[in-house]
Amino acid sequence: MSAERVANALGGKQLMLVLDNCEHVIDAAARMAGVLLHTNAAIRVLATSREPLRVEGEHLYRVPPLAVPAEGADDMDELLRHGAVQLFVTRARGGGSALLAGRGALHLSQQQSAGDSTASRWRSSWRRARGAALGIEDLASRLDDRFRLLTGGRRTALPRHQTLQATLDWSYELLSEPERLVLHRLAIFAGGFGLEAAGVVAASAEIGPSAVVDCVASLVTKSLVTANVGDATDHHRLLETTRAYAIEKLAESGELTSVGRRHAEYYRDLFERAAAEWETQPAAEWSGDL
């Protein structure tokens, strides 16, 4: 059914239309939203997608990750104030998750000290997240192998929603080849990086520095790279799980050593330049890079 036929069928009704998971049909979803909004001013469209629809009147809200406890959180009350912890506890207590079901009710004392070894394992799990199925000790010890651990999604869910690996595969397959190459190579950065660093480290014969910057911008719009736009200097990074996925792809491509060398050489040159110019360059100008 065409967007025009849908618009005619809805007529002048006042309603909200929800378009979920638009990224794999982004052009069709954008056309549908644009036609509906142009035809009927009383309609509102709520669309979820990894990237904007880019239609007239669109307002973006980037959903932030749930808050997690800081490394230094020192009591259970403090831990339980964070959204990631609250969701984890709710699901582990039988909130309907197939992933966490199977080992009975979760018993968690709010009086338990975060310095206690059990509480420390809880904190580790919350920060990096199967809990009831394995037990929290086993869970905390297996999180480095997250793609084999998180495999117990609902049978009725779409295949791409059943495992963490499938979810990331889904997003990865939607990327262009240059975007995939850049995503692999950006995984070499353990922390944040600037566009200059990305252009040097992720460039190669088939994709130049300016094309790398374009790909980084595209990966930001597709929610695979995060950008801190509040600082004077640009600062980008991959979320931990995305980086773990991308570093596997980098290793499979055979480029891990060569990209790692470019990364090391870039920062060697940066530190050598800092040492040479420290006396003449204001410290404030170096602080962002360092």
C-alpha atoms as a PDB file:
ATOM      1  CA  MET A   1       0.000   0.000   0.000  1.00  0.00           C
ATOM      2  CA  SER A   2       1.406   3.383  -0.993  1.00  0.00           C
ATOM      3  CA  ALA A   3       1.935   6.246   1.438  1.00  0.00           C
ATOM      4  CA  GLU A   4      -0.704   8.250  -0.418  1.00  0.00           C
ATOM      5  CA  ARG A   5      -3.324   5.486   0.028  1.00  0.00           C
ATOM      6  CA  VAL A   6      -2.533   5.278   3.731  1.00  0.00           C
ATOM      7  CA  ALA A   7      -2.861   9.045   4.042  1.00  0.00           C
ATOM      8  CA  ASN A   8      -6.218   9.018   2.231  1.00  0.00           C
ATOM      9  CA  ALA A   9      -7.486   6.164   4.423  1.00  0.00           C
ATOM     10  CA  LEU A  10      -6.614   8.074   7.588  1.00  0.00           C
ATOM     11  CA  GLY A  11      -8.270  11.219   6.300  1.00  0.00           C
ATOM     12  CA  GLY A  12      -8.298  14.010   8.897  1.00  0.00           C
ATOM     13  CA  LYS A  13      -8.052  11.740  11.944  1.00  0.00           C
ATOM     14  CA  GLN A  14      -6.038  12.936  14.912  1.00  0.00           C
ATOM     15  CA  LEU A  15      -3.687  10.131  15.887  1.00  0.00           C
ATOM     16  CA  MET A  16      -0.116   9.069  16.506  1.00  0.00           C
ATOM     17  CA  LEU A  17       1.509   6.561  14.156  1.00  0.00           C
ATOM     18  CA  VAL A  18       4.437   4.550  15.550  1.00  0.00           C
ATOM     19  CA  LEU A  19       7.073   3.361  13.063  1.00  0.00           C
ATOM     20  CA  ASP A  20       9.467   1.003  14.856  1.00  0.00           C
ATOM     21  CA  ASN A  21      12.938  -0.127  13.729  1.00  0.00           C
ATOM     22  CA  CYS A  22      13.053   2.008  10.603  1.00  0.00           C
ATOM     23  CA  GLU A  23      16.750   1.702   9.790  1.00  0.00           C
ATOM     24  CA  HIS A  24      16.428  -1.200   7.338  1.00  0.00           C
ATOM     25  CA  VAL A  25      13.617   0.543   5.423  1.00  0.00           C
ATOM     26  CA  ILE A  26      14.723   4.120   6.084  1.00  0.00           C
ATOM     27  CA  ASP A  27      13.756   5.546   2.680  1.00  0.00           C
ATOM     28  CA  ALA A  28      10.259   4.005   2.721  1.00  0.00           C
ATOM     29  CA  ALA A  29       9.714   5.081   6.346  1.00  0.00           C
ATOM     30  CA  ALA A  30      10.824   8.634   5.559  1.00  0.00           C
ATOM     31  CA  ARG A  31       8.475   8.808   2.581  1.00  0.00           C
ATOM     32  CA  MET A  32       5.566   7.454   4.629  1.00  0.00           C
ATOM     33  CA  ALA A  33       6.150   9.949   7.427  1.00  0.00           C
ATOM     34  CA  GLY A  34       6.625  12.855   5.017  1.00  0.00           C
ATOM     35  CA  VAL A  35       3.433  12.163   3.070  1.00  0.00           C
ATOM     36  CA  LEU A  36       1.349  11.659   6.218  1.00  0.00           C
ATOM     37  CA  LEU A  37       2.588  14.837   7.862  1.00  0.00           C
ATOM     38  CA  HIS A  38       2.069  16.859   4.690  1.00  0.00           C
ATOM     39  CA  THR A  39      -1.449  15.501   4.160  1.00  0.00           C
ATOM     40  CA  ASN A  40      -2.782  15.706   7.712  1.00  0.00           C
ATOM     41  CA  ALA A  41      -1.517  18.292  10.181  1.00  0.00           C
ATOM     42  CA  ALA A  42      -3.244  16.435  13.059  1.00  0.00           C
ATOM     43  CA  ILE A  43      -1.085  13.319  12.665  1.00  0.00           C
ATOM     44  CA  ARG A  44       2.046  12.803  14.733  1.00  0.00           C
ATOM     45  CA  VAL A  45       4.677  10.191  13.875  1.00  0.00           C
ATOM     46  CA  LEU A  46       6.906   8.549  16.468  1.00  0.00           C
ATOM     47  CA  ALA A  47       9.733   6.717  14.696  1.00  0.00           C
ATOM     48  CA  THR A  48      12.495   4.617  16.254  1.00  0.00           C
ATOM     49  CA  SER A  49      15.611   4.190  14.169  1.00  0.00           C
ATOM     50  CA  ARG A  50      19.382   4.129  14.394  1.00  0.00           C
ATOM     51  CA  GLU A  51      19.477   7.106  12.041  1.00  0.00           C
ATOM     52  CA  PRO A  52      17.260  10.140  11.374  1.00  0.00           C
ATOM     53  CA  LEU A  53      14.473  10.008   8.787  1.00  0.00           C
ATOM     54  CA  ARG A  54      15.457  13.507   7.615  1.00  0.00           C
ATOM     55  CA  VAL A  55      11.900  14.677   6.942  1.00  0.00           C
ATOM     56  CA  GLU A  56      10.615  18.204   7.394  1.00  0.00           C
ATOM     57  CA  GLY A  57       9.630  18.956  10.983  1.00  0.00           C
ATOM     58  CA  GLU A  58      11.599  16.050  12.456  1.00  0.00           C
ATOM     59  CA  HIS A  59      12.771  16.446  16.051  1.00  0.00           C
ATOM     60  CA  LEU A  60      15.492  14.046  17.185  1.00  0.00           C
ATOM     61  CA  TYR A  61      15.773  12.526  20.651  1.00  0.00           C
ATOM     62  CA  ARG A  62      18.805  10.341  21.122  1.00  0.00           C
ATOM     63  CA  VAL A  63      18.021   7.739  23.793  1.00  0.00           C
ATOM     64  CA  PRO A  64      20.977   7.712  26.204  1.00  0.00           C
ATOM     65  CA  PRO A  65      22.283   4.488  27.788  1.00  0.00           C
ATOM     66  CA  LEU A  66      20.981   3.584  31.240  1.00  0.00           C
ATOM     67  CA  ALA A  67      23.013   5.006  34.098  1.00  0.00           C
ATOM     68  CA  VAL A  68      25.531   2.597  35.637  1.00  0.00           C
ATOM     69  CA  PRO A  69      27.347   2.803  38.988  1.00  0.00           C
ATOM     70  CA  ALA A  70      30.739   4.423  39.114  1.00  0.00           C
ATOM     71  CA  GLU A  71      33.709   2.223  39.865  1.00  0.00           C
ATOM     72  CA  GLY A  72      33.943   3.756  43.330  1.00  0.00           C
ATOM     73  CA  ALA A  73      30.285   3.243  44.395  1.00  0.00           C
ATOM     74  CA  ASP A  74      30.573   2.055  48.004  1.00  0.00           C
ATOM     75  CA  ASP A  75      27.123   0.929  49.140  1.00  0.00           C
ATOM     76  CA  MET A  76      24.172  -1.036  47.822  1.00  0.00           C
ATOM     77  CA  ASP A  77      21.735   1.872  48.196  1.00  0.00           C
ATOM     78  CA  GLU A  78      23.910   3.880  45.830  1.00  0.00           C
ATOM     79  CA  LEU A  79      24.084   1.015  43.340  1.00  0.00           C
ATOM     80  CA  LEU A  80      20.301   0.592  43.350  1.00  0.00           C
ATOM     81  CA  ARG A  81      19.722   4.217  42.348  1.00  0.00           C
ATOM     82  CA  HIS A  82      21.003   3.580  38.821  1.00  0.00           C
ATOM     83  CA  GLY A  83      18.686   2.673  35.954  1.00  0.00           C
ATOM     84  CA  ALA A  84      20.812  -0.210  34.667  1.00  0.00           C
ATOM     85  CA  VAL A  85      20.834  -1.788  38.134  1.00  0.00           C
ATOM     86  CA  GLN A  86      17.088  -1.354  38.606  1.00  0.00           C
ATOM     87  CA  LEU A  87      16.341  -2.979  35.246  1.00  0.00           C
ATOM     88  CA  PHE A  88      18.764  -5.846  35.933  1.00  0.00           C
ATOM     89  CA  VAL A  89      17.235  -6.558  39.354  1.00  0.00           C
ATOM     90  CA  THR A  90      13.669  -6.362  38.013  1.00  0.00           C
ATOM     91  CA  ARG A  91      14.401  -8.837  35.234  1.00  0.00           C
ATOM     92  CA  ALA A  92      16.381 -11.174  37.500  1.00  0.00           C
ATOM     93  CA  ARG A  93      13.496 -11.252  39.988  1.00  0.00           C
ATOM     94  CA  GLY A  94      11.193 -12.679  37.350  1.00  0.00           C
ATOM     95  CA  GLY A  95      10.242  -9.698  35.240  1.00  0.00           C
ATOM     96  CA  GLY A  96       9.685 -11.914  32.209  1.00  0.00           C
ATOM     97  CA  SER A  97      13.149 -12.255  30.742  1.00  0.00           C
ATOM     98  CA  ALA A  98      13.915 -15.666  29.281  1.00  0.00           C
ATOM     99  CA  LEU A  99      17.575 -14.780  29.612  1.00  0.00           C
ATOM    100  CA  LEU A 100      17.420 -14.432  33.392  1.00  0.00           C
ATOM    101  CA  ALA A 101      14.689 -16.933  34.229  1.00  0.00           C
ATOM    102  CA  GLY A 102      15.326 -20.306  35.781  1.00  0.00           C
ATOM    103  CA  ARG A 103      17.109 -19.983  39.096  1.00  0.00           C
ATOM    104  CA  GLY A 104      14.406 -18.641  41.384  1.00  0.00           C
ATOM    105  CA  ALA A 105      14.017 -15.266  43.063  1.00  0.00           C
ATOM    106  CA  LEU A 106      16.911 -12.894  43.388  1.00  0.00           C
ATOM    107  CA  HIS A 107      17.861 -12.087  46.972  1.00  0.00           C
ATOM    108  CA  LEU A 108      19.726  -8.836  47.336  1.00  0.00           C
ATOM    109  CA  SER A 109      20.251  -7.087  50.634  1.00  0.00           C
ATOM    110  CA  GLN A 110      20.350  -3.319  50.503  1.00  0.00           C
ATOM    111  CA  GLN A 111      22.438  -3.446  53.658  1.00  0.00           C
ATOM    112  CA  GLN A 112      25.148  -5.384  51.848  1.00  0.00           C
ATOM    113  CA  SER A 113      28.355  -3.446  51.527  1.00  0.00           C
ATOM    114  CA  ALA A 114      29.574  -2.786  47.994  1.00  0.00           C
ATOM    115  CA  GLY A 115      33.015  -3.711  49.279  1.00  0.00           C
ATOM    116  CA  ASP A 116      31.748  -7.251  49.862  1.00  0.00           C
ATOM    117  CA  SER A 117      32.914  -9.641  47.123  1.00  0.00           C
ATOM    118  CA  THR A 118      29.348 -10.518  46.074  1.00  0.00           C
ATOM    119  CA  ALA A 119      28.382  -6.866  45.774  1.00  0.00           C
ATOM    120  CA  SER A 120      31.533  -6.211  43.758  1.00  0.00           C
ATOM    121  CA  ARG A 121      30.539  -8.940  41.315  1.00  0.00           C
ATOM    122  CA  TRP A 122      27.074  -7.391  41.035  1.00  0.00           C
ATOM    123  CA  ARG A 123      28.619  -4.029  40.254  1.00  0.00           C
ATOM    124  CA  SER A 124      30.846  -5.564  37.582  1.00  0.00           C
ATOM    125  CA  SER A 125      27.872  -7.282  35.966  1.00  0.00           C
ATOM    126  CA  TRP A 126      25.744  -4.153  35.959  1.00  0.00           C
ATOM    127  CA  ARG A 127      28.491  -2.064  34.488  1.00  0.00           C
ATOM    128  CA  ARG A 128      29.208  -4.445  31.642  1.00  0.00           C
ATOM    129  CA  ALA A 129      26.066  -6.239  30.855  1.00  0.00           C
ATOM    130  CA  ARG A 130      22.622 -13.842  32.197  1.00  0.00           C
ATOM    131  CA  GLY A 131      22.278 -13.504  35.821  1.00  0.00           C
ATOM    132  CA  ALA A 132      19.800 -15.951  37.418  1.00  0.00           C
ATOM    133  CA  ALA A 133      20.603 -18.742  34.976  1.00  0.00           C
ATOM    134  CA  LEU A 134      24.316 -18.721  35.788  1.00  0.00           C
ATOM    135  CA  GLY A 135      24.554 -17.156  39.199  1.00  0.00           C
ATOM    136  CA  ILE A 136      26.141 -13.757  39.640  1.00  0.00           C
ATOM    137  CA  GLU A 137      29.650 -15.134  40.241  1.00  0.00           C
ATOM    138  CA  ASP A 138      29.638 -17.088  36.969  1.00  0.00           C
ATOM    139  CA  LEU A 139      28.067 -14.143  35.176  1.00  0.00           C
ATOM    140  CA  ALA A 140      30.751 -11.697  36.275  1.00  0.00           C
ATOM    141  CA  SER A 141      33.527 -14.117  35.288  1.00  0.00           C
ATOM    142  CA  ARG A 142      32.099 -14.734  31.784  1.00  0.00           C
ATOM    143  CA  LEU A 143      31.343 -11.184  30.667  1.00  0.00           C
ATOM    144  CA  ASP A 144      34.497 -10.960  28.569  1.00  0.00           C
ATOM    145  CA  ASP A 145      32.855 -13.558  26.289  1.00  0.00           C
ATOM    146  CA  ARG A 146      29.642 -11.548  25.957  1.00  0.00           C
ATOM    147  CA  PHE A 147      28.698 -12.733  22.458  1.00  0.00           C
ATOM    148  CA  ARG A 148      28.559 -16.388  23.559  1.00  0.00           C
ATOM    149  CA  LEU A 149      27.031 -15.558  26.946  1.00  0.00           C
ATOM    150  CA  LEU A 150      24.087 -13.457  25.805  1.00  0.00           C
ATOM    151  CA  THR A 151      22.266 -15.990  23.642  1.00  0.00           C
ATOM    152  CA  GLY A 152      18.991 -16.694  25.460  1.00  0.00           C
ATOM    153  CA  GLY A 153      16.450 -14.367  23.898  1.00  0.00           C
ATOM    154  CA  ARG A 154      12.744 -15.114  23.517  1.00  0.00           C
ATOM    155  CA  ARG A 155      11.869 -17.800  20.960  1.00  0.00           C
ATOM    156  CA  THR A 156       9.073 -15.598  19.613  1.00  0.00           C
ATOM    157  CA  ALA A 157      11.362 -12.620  19.014  1.00  0.00           C
ATOM    158  CA  LEU A 158      12.730 -11.752  15.592  1.00  0.00           C
ATOM    159  CA  PRO A 159      16.062 -13.565  15.033  1.00  0.00           C
ATOM    160  CA  ARG A 160      17.979 -10.289  15.173  1.00  0.00           C
ATOM    161  CA  HIS A 161      16.596  -9.621  18.673  1.00  0.00           C
ATOM    162  CA  GLN A 162      17.418 -13.019  20.190  1.00  0.00           C
ATOM    163  CA  THR A 163      21.162 -12.640  20.707  1.00  0.00           C
ATOM    164  CA  LEU A 164      23.600  -9.792  21.124  1.00  0.00           C
ATOM    165  CA  GLN A 165      25.637 -11.114  18.192  1.00  0.00           C
ATOM    166  CA  ALA A 166      22.575 -11.155  15.907  1.00  0.00           C
ATOM    167  CA  THR A 167      21.621  -7.611  16.926  1.00  0.00           C
ATOM    168  CA  LEU A 168      25.036  -6.259  16.003  1.00  0.00           C
ATOM    169  CA  ASP A 169      25.179  -8.372  12.819  1.00  0.00           C
ATOM    170  CA  TRP A 170      21.877  -6.760  11.803  1.00  0.00           C
ATOM    171  CA  SER A 171      23.259  -3.232  12.195  1.00  0.00           C
ATOM    172  CA  TYR A 172      26.564  -4.154  10.572  1.00  0.00           C
ATOM    173  CA  GLU A 173      24.929  -5.579   7.442  1.00  0.00           C
ATOM    174  CA  LEU A 174      23.145  -2.263   6.867  1.00  0.00           C
ATOM    175  CA  LEU A 175      26.456  -0.394   6.541  1.00  0.00           C
ATOM    176  CA  SER A 176      28.217   0.420   3.299  1.00  0.00           C
ATOM    177  CA  GLU A 177      31.604  -1.205   2.693  1.00  0.00           C
ATOM    178  CA  PRO A 178      33.582   1.980   3.528  1.00  0.00           C
ATOM    179  CA  GLU A 179      31.582   2.373   6.761  1.00  0.00           C
ATOM    180  CA  ARG A 180      32.406  -1.216   7.728  1.00  0.00           C
ATOM    181  CA  LEU A 181      36.107  -0.659   7.084  1.00  0.00           C
ATOM    182  CA  VAL A 182      36.156   2.495   9.200  1.00  0.00           C
ATOM    183  CA  LEU A 183      34.153   0.880  12.017  1.00  0.00           C
ATOM    184  CA  HIS A 184      36.667  -2.013  12.157  1.00  0.00           C
ATOM    185  CA  ARG A 185      39.601   0.340  12.323  1.00  0.00           C
ATOM    186  CA  LEU A 186      38.090   2.694  14.902  1.00  0.00           C
ATOM    187  CA  ALA A 187      37.928  -0.275  17.282  1.00  0.00           C
ATOM    188  CA  ILE A 188      41.690   0.080  17.773  1.00  0.00           C
ATOM    189  CA  PHE A 189      40.978   3.137  19.971  1.00  0.00           C
ATOM    190  CA  ALA A 190      40.498   1.878  23.520  1.00  0.00           C
ATOM    191  CA  GLY A 191      38.990   5.209  24.554  1.00  0.00           C
ATOM    192  CA  GLY A 192      37.915   8.408  22.875  1.00  0.00           C
ATOM    193  CA  PHE A 193      39.429   9.797  19.683  1.00  0.00           C
ATOM    194  CA  GLY A 194      39.313  12.956  17.625  1.00  0.00           C
ATOM    195  CA  LEU A 195      38.593  13.265  13.922  1.00  0.00           C
ATOM    196  CA  GLU A 196      42.247  13.999  13.149  1.00  0.00           C
ATOM    197  CA  ALA A 197      43.316  10.771  14.857  1.00  0.00           C
ATOM    198  CA  ALA A 198      40.542   8.828  13.095  1.00  0.00           C
ATOM    199  CA  GLY A 199      41.590  10.251   9.729  1.00  0.00           C
ATOM    200  CA  VAL A 200      45.187   9.127  10.215  1.00  0.00           C
ATOM    201  CA  VAL A 201      44.595   5.726  11.824  1.00  0.00           C
ATOM    202  CA  ALA A 202      41.581   4.551   9.799  1.00  0.00           C
ATOM    203  CA  ALA A 203      42.716   5.820   6.379  1.00  0.00           C
ATOM    204  CA  SER A 204      44.259   3.576   3.739  1.00  0.00           C
ATOM    205  CA  ALA A 205      44.727   3.361  -0.010  1.00  0.00           C
ATOM    206  CA  GLU A 206      41.040   2.618  -0.598  1.00  0.00           C
ATOM    207  CA  ILE A 207      39.679   5.295   1.751  1.00  0.00           C
ATOM    208  CA  GLY A 208      41.325   8.641   2.401  1.00  0.00           C
ATOM    209  CA  PRO A 209      41.257  10.791   5.578  1.00  0.00           C
ATOM    210  CA  SER A 210      38.387  13.005   4.396  1.00  0.00           C
ATOM    211  CA  ALA A 211      36.310   9.941   3.493  1.00  0.00           C
ATOM    212  CA  VAL A 212      37.065   8.526   6.958  1.00  0.00           C
ATOM    213  CA  VAL A 213      35.645  11.689   8.537  1.00  0.00           C
ATOM    214  CA  ASP A 214      32.509  11.352   6.391  1.00  0.00           C
ATOM    215  CA  CYS A 215      32.143   7.722   7.504  1.00  0.00           C
ATOM    216  CA  VAL A 216      32.565   8.669  11.168  1.00  0.00           C
ATOM    217  CA  ALA A 217      29.778  11.235  10.792  1.00  0.00           C
ATOM    218  CA  SER A 218      27.563   8.592   9.168  1.00  0.00           C
ATOM    219  CA  LEU A 219      28.340   6.074  11.930  1.00  0.00           C
ATOM    220  CA  VAL A 220      27.344   8.709  14.492  1.00  0.00           C
ATOM    221  CA  THR A 221      23.974   9.201  12.813  1.00  0.00           C
ATOM    222  CA  LYS A 222      23.532   5.398  12.810  1.00  0.00           C
ATOM    223  CA  SER A 223      24.289   5.224  16.557  1.00  0.00           C
ATOM    224  CA  LEU A 224      27.386   3.056  16.159  1.00  0.00           C
ATOM    225  CA  VAL A 225      29.765   5.835  17.222  1.00  0.00           C
ATOM    226  CA  THR A 226      28.991   8.341  19.961  1.00  0.00           C
ATOM    227  CA  ALA A 227      30.007  11.992  19.716  1.00  0.00           C
ATOM    228  CA  ASN A 228      30.505  14.445  22.552  1.00  0.00           C
ATOM    229  CA  VAL A 229      29.392  17.768  21.117  1.00  0.00           C
ATOM    230  CA  GLY A 230      29.620  19.714  24.367  1.00  0.00           C
ATOM    231  CA  ASP A 231      33.379  20.269  24.375  1.00  0.00           C
ATOM    232  CA  ALA A 232      35.442  22.679  22.316  1.00  0.00           C
ATOM    233  CA  THR A 233      37.380  19.730  20.889  1.00  0.00           C
ATOM    234  CA  ASP A 234      35.726  16.854  19.038  1.00  0.00           C
ATOM    235  CA  HIS A 235      35.541  13.610  20.987  1.00  0.00           C
ATOM    236  CA  HIS A 236      34.160  10.345  19.640  1.00  0.00           C
ATOM    237  CA  ARG A 237      34.138   6.785  20.915  1.00  0.00           C
ATOM    238  CA  LEU A 238      32.656   3.329  20.413  1.00  0.00           C
ATOM    239  CA  LEU A 239      30.530   1.874  23.187  1.00  0.00           C
ATOM    240  CA  GLU A 240      32.231  -1.108  24.829  1.00  0.00           C
ATOM    241  CA  THR A 241      30.063  -3.787  23.216  1.00  0.00           C
ATOM    242  CA  THR A 242      30.261  -2.193  19.767  1.00  0.00           C
ATOM    243  CA  ARG A 243      34.035  -1.985  20.098  1.00  0.00           C
ATOM    244  CA  ALA A 244      34.277  -5.654  21.148  1.00  0.00           C
ATOM    245  CA  TYR A 245      32.287  -6.616  18.056  1.00  0.00           C
ATOM    246  CA  ALA A 246      34.297  -4.365  15.741  1.00  0.00           C
ATOM    247  CA  ILE A 247      37.676  -5.520  17.066  1.00  0.00           C
ATOM    248  CA  GLU A 248      36.706  -9.107  16.166  1.00  0.00           C
ATOM    249  CA  LYS A 249      35.885  -7.918  12.650  1.00  0.00           C
ATOM    250  CA  LEU A 250      39.224  -6.097  12.489  1.00  0.00           C
ATOM    251  CA  ALA A 251      41.061  -9.282  13.463  1.00  0.00           C
ATOM    252  CA  GLU A 252      39.108 -11.307  10.892  1.00  0.00           C
ATOM    253  CA  SER A 253      40.066  -8.785   8.195  1.00  0.00           C
ATOM    254  CA  GLY A 254      43.785  -9.364   8.846  1.00  0.00           C
ATOM    255  CA  GLU A 255      44.364  -5.652   9.536  1.00  0.00           C
ATOM    256  CA  LEU A 256      44.740  -5.760  13.313  1.00  0.00           C
ATOM    257  CA  THR A 257      48.541  -5.496  13.250  1.00  0.00           C
ATOM    258  CA  SER A 258      48.763  -2.791  10.567  1.00  0.00           C
ATOM    259  CA  VAL A 259      46.030  -0.622  12.100  1.00  0.00           C
ATOM    260  CA  GLY A 260      47.546  -1.124  15.534  1.00  0.00           C
ATOM    261  CA  ARG A 261      50.883   0.107  14.191  1.00  0.00           C
ATOM    262  CA  ARG A 262      49.296   3.236  12.674  1.00  0.00           C
ATOM    263  CA  HIS A 263      47.596   3.890  16.019  1.00  0.00           C
ATOM    264  CA  ALA A 264      50.876   3.525  17.918  1.00  0.00           C
ATOM    265  CA  GLU A 265      52.771   5.716  15.456  1.00  0.00           C
ATOM    266  CA  TYR A 266      50.128   8.454  15.610  1.00  0.00           C
ATOM    267  CA  TYR A 267      50.310   8.712  19.389  1.00  0.00           C
ATOM    268  CA  ARG A 268      54.108   8.378  19.410  1.00  0.00           C
ATOM    269  CA  ASP A 269      54.259  11.399  17.103  1.00  0.00           C
ATOM    270  CA  LEU A 270      51.735  13.266  19.244  1.00  0.00           C
ATOM    271  CA  PHE A 271      53.753  12.775  22.420  1.00  0.00           C
ATOM    272  CA  GLU A 272      57.017  13.661  20.699  1.00  0.00           C
ATOM    273  CA  ARG A 273      55.439  16.869  19.423  1.00  0.00           C
ATOM    274  CA  ALA A 274      54.099  17.624  22.893  1.00  0.00           C
ATOM    275  CA  ALA A 275      57.551  17.169  24.410  1.00  0.00           C
ATOM    276  CA  ALA A 276      59.123  19.445  21.802  1.00  0.00           C
ATOM    277  CA  GLU A 277      56.506  22.200  22.081  1.00  0.00           C
ATOM    278  CA  TRP A 278      55.675  22.002  25.777  1.00  0.00           C
ATOM    279  CA  GLU A 279      57.749  25.064  26.618  1.00  0.00           C
ATOM    280  CA  THR A 280      56.180  27.245  23.930  1.00  0.00           C
ATOM    281  CA  GLN A 281      52.637  25.844  23.581  1.00  0.00           C
ATOM    282  CA  PRO A 282      50.070  26.782  26.257  1.00  0.00           C
ATOM    283  CA  ALA A 283      49.244  23.752  28.400  1.00  0.00           C
ATOM    284  CA  ALA A 284      45.502  24.303  27.843  1.00  0.00           C
ATOM    285  CA  GLU A 285      45.954  23.655  24.121  1.00  0.00           C
ATOM    286  CA  TRP A 286      47.595  20.299  24.800  1.00  0.00           C
ATOM    287  CA  SER A 287      45.278  19.110  27.570  1.00  0.00           C
ATOM    288  CA  GLY A 288      42.447  18.055  25.249  1.00  0.00           C
ATOM    289  CA  ASP A 289      44.694  15.937  23.037  1.00  0.00           C
ATOM    290  CA  LEU A 290      46.620  14.388  25.891  1.00  0.00           C
END
